[in-house]
Amino acid sequence: MELVYTNQLDGFEPGKRYRVPGLFRSVERDATAVTVVGDYPEIVTAYENAGVDVEVVALPAPAIVGTQAVADSELSKLLADLQAESGAMVLLIDGLEAGEIHRPEAGELALRLFEVLGTIHNSVGELTAERDGLVLTVDTLRGEVEALKKAAIAPPADEAGEISALKATLDEAKVQYRANASKESLEKLVADLPKA
């Protein structure tokens, strides 16, 4: 099997297998010949060590259009712009790593990133305030639920005394009742006592 390591997107020849060089992990055992387009010494070395014939094809150098003086001045300006942009980004990132956000003095991308980060910071602040409000609301509701549970389980103190008195009366009369009987059902049983 003939393998070609290249980044090309079209112009594939039938009978050859193509691989992206950046995804190379190990030698493919079925390879009988390998062509490497570009500078990928690790691929070349791996296949040569495996005893496979390797052909290296150099990429053509990019062509410069126009006069050399114009190209040099444009490249110098572009390089200066990129260095300024890079410096502004580095300052912005260094500030963020220190936990502060400072507005860069120059650099279009750095300024745009600063504005976006400011918007994100404001949104996070609003969400945090909303979350804190919800936590307080949830805590308040939990307290109310607990109070309602306690009120539903335990009868009021004065009612508990009345229930105890009703149960004592029924116990004296040897009348059976449920242990969790309501006050109303106990009152009815006591009311029926004289009839018995």
Protein backbone atom coordinates (compact mmCIF):
# COMPACT_ATOMS: atom_id res chain seq x y z
CA MET A 1 0.00 0.00 0.00
CA GLU A 2 1.36 3.42 -0.98
CA LEU A 3 0.75 6.11 1.64
CA VAL A 4 0.89 9.86 1.07
CA TYR A 5 1.15 12.23 4.05
CA THR A 6 -0.17 15.61 2.87
CA ASN A 7 -2.49 18.47 3.77
CA GLN A 8 -3.99 18.70 0.28
CA LEU A 9 -7.74 18.90 -0.08
CA ASP A 10 -8.13 17.67 -3.66
CA GLY A 11 -6.26 16.06 -6.56
CA PHE A 12 -6.09 12.60 -4.99
CA GLU A 13 -4.72 9.80 -7.16
CA PRO A 14 -6.49 6.42 -7.29
CA GLY A 15 -4.63 3.52 -5.68
CA LYS A 16 -2.93 5.66 -3.05
CA ARG A 17 -3.97 6.15 0.57
CA TYR A 18 -3.77 9.66 2.03
CA ARG A 19 -3.15 10.72 5.62
CA VAL A 20 -2.95 14.10 7.38
CA PRO A 21 0.61 14.52 8.70
CA GLY A 22 -0.48 16.34 11.84
CA LEU A 23 -2.45 13.25 12.90
CA PHE A 24 0.51 10.83 12.59
CA ARG A 25 0.84 8.59 15.66
CA SER A 26 2.64 5.47 14.42
CA VAL A 27 3.80 3.53 11.37
CA GLU A 28 1.10 1.72 9.39
CA ARG A 29 2.26 -1.89 8.92
CA ASP A 30 0.74 -2.37 5.44
CA ALA A 31 2.71 0.55 3.95
CA THR A 32 5.14 -0.41 1.17
CA ALA A 33 6.08 3.12 0.08
CA VAL A 34 5.52 6.49 1.72
CA THR A 35 5.49 10.02 0.28
CA VAL A 36 5.70 12.90 2.75
CA VAL A 37 4.71 16.34 1.42
CA GLY A 38 6.30 19.01 3.61
CA ASP A 39 8.72 18.97 6.52
CA TYR A 40 7.74 16.10 8.84
CA PRO A 41 11.01 14.47 9.97
CA GLU A 42 9.31 12.30 12.62
CA ILE A 43 7.23 10.57 9.92
CA VAL A 44 10.25 10.07 7.66
CA THR A 45 12.37 8.66 10.50
CA ALA A 46 9.62 6.32 11.73
CA TYR A 47 9.08 4.76 8.29
CA GLU A 48 12.81 4.57 7.48
CA ASN A 49 13.36 2.75 10.78
CA ALA A 50 10.59 0.33 9.76
CA GLY A 51 12.42 -0.36 6.46
CA VAL A 52 9.88 1.41 4.22
CA ASP A 53 10.97 3.52 1.23
CA VAL A 54 10.23 7.20 1.91
CA GLU A 55 10.09 10.05 -0.59
CA VAL A 56 10.05 13.64 0.70
CA VAL A 57 8.41 16.33 -1.45
CA ALA A 58 9.22 19.92 -0.45
CA LEU A 59 6.43 22.50 -0.45
CA PRO A 60 6.88 25.37 -2.90
CA ALA A 61 7.87 28.72 -1.36
CA PRO A 62 5.11 31.36 -1.34
CA ALA A 63 5.43 33.87 -4.17
CA ILE A 64 5.79 37.58 -3.40
CA VAL A 65 3.89 39.80 -5.82
CA GLY A 66 5.12 43.35 -6.51
CA THR A 67 8.44 45.02 -5.97
CA GLN A 68 10.64 43.95 -3.10
CA ALA A 69 10.70 47.47 -1.56
CA VAL A 70 6.89 47.64 -1.41
CA ALA A 71 6.67 44.12 -0.05
CA ASP A 72 9.30 44.88 2.62
CA SER A 73 7.53 48.07 3.78
CA GLU A 74 4.13 46.36 3.89
CA LEU A 75 5.60 43.42 5.74
CA SER A 76 7.33 45.76 8.21
CA LYS A 77 4.06 47.60 8.88
CA LEU A 78 2.14 44.34 9.22
CA LEU A 79 4.77 42.97 11.58
CA ALA A 80 4.68 46.14 13.71
CA ASP A 81 0.87 45.98 13.87
CA LEU A 82 0.96 42.32 14.87
CA GLN A 83 3.58 42.99 17.55
CA ALA A 84 1.48 45.83 19.00
CA GLU A 85 -1.62 43.63 18.94
CA SER A 86 0.28 40.79 20.57
CA GLY A 87 1.67 43.09 23.28
CA ALA A 88 -1.81 44.41 24.08
CA MET A 89 -3.19 40.87 24.29
CA VAL A 90 -0.35 39.81 26.60
CA LEU A 91 -1.05 42.75 28.94
CA LEU A 92 -4.77 41.95 28.96
CA ILE A 93 -4.15 38.26 29.69
CA ASP A 94 -1.56 39.02 32.39
CA GLY A 95 -4.08 41.30 34.10
CA LEU A 96 -6.79 38.65 33.93
CA GLU A 97 -4.45 36.05 35.41
CA ALA A 98 -3.79 38.46 38.30
CA GLY A 99 -7.56 38.77 38.84
CA GLU A 100 -7.91 42.25 37.38
CA ILE A 101 -9.23 43.48 34.08
CA HIS A 102 -7.53 46.57 32.64
CA ARG A 103 -8.47 48.32 29.42
CA PRO A 104 -5.61 48.00 26.92
CA GLU A 105 -4.31 51.22 25.37
CA ALA A 106 -4.01 49.81 21.84
CA GLY A 107 -4.77 46.76 19.74
CA GLU A 108 -8.10 46.29 18.01
CA LEU A 109 -8.50 42.66 19.08
CA ALA A 110 -7.42 43.39 22.64
CA LEU A 111 -9.95 46.24 22.90
CA ARG A 112 -12.73 44.06 21.49
CA LEU A 113 -11.83 41.27 23.90
CA PHE A 114 -11.83 43.75 26.81
CA GLU A 115 -15.36 44.90 25.88
CA VAL A 116 -16.65 41.34 25.57
CA LEU A 117 -15.08 40.37 28.91
CA GLY A 118 -16.69 43.43 30.52
CA THR A 119 -20.10 42.34 29.23
CA ILE A 120 -19.50 38.81 30.51
CA HIS A 121 -18.39 40.17 33.90
CA ASN A 122 -21.57 42.25 34.20
CA SER A 123 -23.75 39.27 33.21
CA VAL A 124 -22.06 37.05 35.78
CA GLY A 125 -22.62 39.75 38.43
CA GLU A 126 -26.34 39.89 37.59
CA LEU A 127 -26.62 36.09 37.66
CA THR A 128 -24.82 35.97 41.02
CA ALA A 129 -27.22 38.54 42.50
CA GLU A 130 -30.20 36.57 41.15
CA ARG A 131 -28.80 33.32 42.54
CA ASP A 132 -28.24 34.90 45.97
CA GLY A 133 -31.82 36.19 45.96
CA LEU A 134 -33.09 32.72 45.10
CA VAL A 135 -31.00 31.15 47.87
CA LEU A 136 -32.59 33.52 50.39
CA THR A 137 -36.05 32.72 49.02
CA VAL A 138 -35.39 28.98 49.18
CA ASP A 139 -34.10 29.29 52.76
CA THR A 140 -37.21 31.25 53.75
CA LEU A 141 -39.48 28.66 52.11
CA ARG A 142 -37.65 25.82 53.84
CA GLY A 143 -38.19 27.54 57.18
CA GLU A 144 -41.89 27.97 56.46
CA VAL A 145 -42.24 24.31 55.40
CA GLU A 146 -40.54 23.14 58.59
CA ALA A 147 -42.85 25.34 60.69
CA LEU A 148 -45.91 23.94 58.88
CA LYS A 149 -44.69 20.37 59.40
CA LYS A 150 -44.26 20.98 63.12
CA ALA A 151 -47.68 22.59 63.36
CA ALA A 152 -49.31 19.66 61.54
CA ILE A 153 -47.63 17.02 63.69
CA ALA A 154 -48.03 18.45 67.17
CA PRO A 155 -51.37 19.80 68.32
CA PRO A 156 -51.35 23.14 70.15
CA ALA A 157 -50.41 22.90 73.85
CA ASP A 158 -53.92 23.66 75.16
CA GLU A 159 -55.45 21.13 72.74
CA ALA A 160 -52.91 18.49 73.85
CA GLY A 161 -54.14 18.90 77.42
CA GLU A 162 -57.76 18.47 76.33
CA ILE A 163 -56.87 15.32 74.36
CA SER A 164 -55.07 13.88 77.39
CA ALA A 165 -58.12 14.57 79.58
CA LEU A 166 -60.46 12.92 77.04
CA LYS A 167 -58.20 9.86 76.85
CA ALA A 168 -58.07 9.64 80.64
CA THR A 169 -61.89 9.71 80.80
CA LEU A 170 -62.13 6.96 78.19
CA ASP A 171 -59.46 4.90 79.96
CA GLU A 172 -61.47 5.09 83.23
CA ALA A 173 -64.56 3.90 81.38
CA LYS A 174 -62.46 1.16 79.74
CA VAL A 175 -63.45 2.34 76.25
CA GLN A 176 -61.02 1.49 73.48
CA TYR A 177 -59.83 4.15 71.03
CA ARG A 178 -57.06 4.59 68.50
CA ALA A 179 -53.79 5.98 69.82
CA ASN A 180 -53.76 8.66 67.14
CA ALA A 181 -57.46 9.46 67.36
CA SER A 182 -58.42 13.07 66.68
CA LYS A 183 -59.84 15.35 69.34
CA GLU A 184 -63.23 15.28 67.59
CA SER A 185 -63.44 11.46 67.59
CA LEU A 186 -62.42 11.35 71.27
CA GLU A 187 -65.08 13.96 72.14
CA LYS A 188 -67.70 11.85 70.34
CA LEU A 189 -66.67 8.74 72.29
CA VAL A 190 -66.85 10.67 75.57
CA ALA A 191 -70.24 12.09 74.58
CA ASP A 192 -71.50 8.53 73.97
CA LEU A 193 -70.36 7.40 77.47
CA PRO A 194 -73.54 8.31 79.40
CA LYS A 195 -75.58 6.34 76.84
CA ALA A 196 -73.64 3.18 77.57
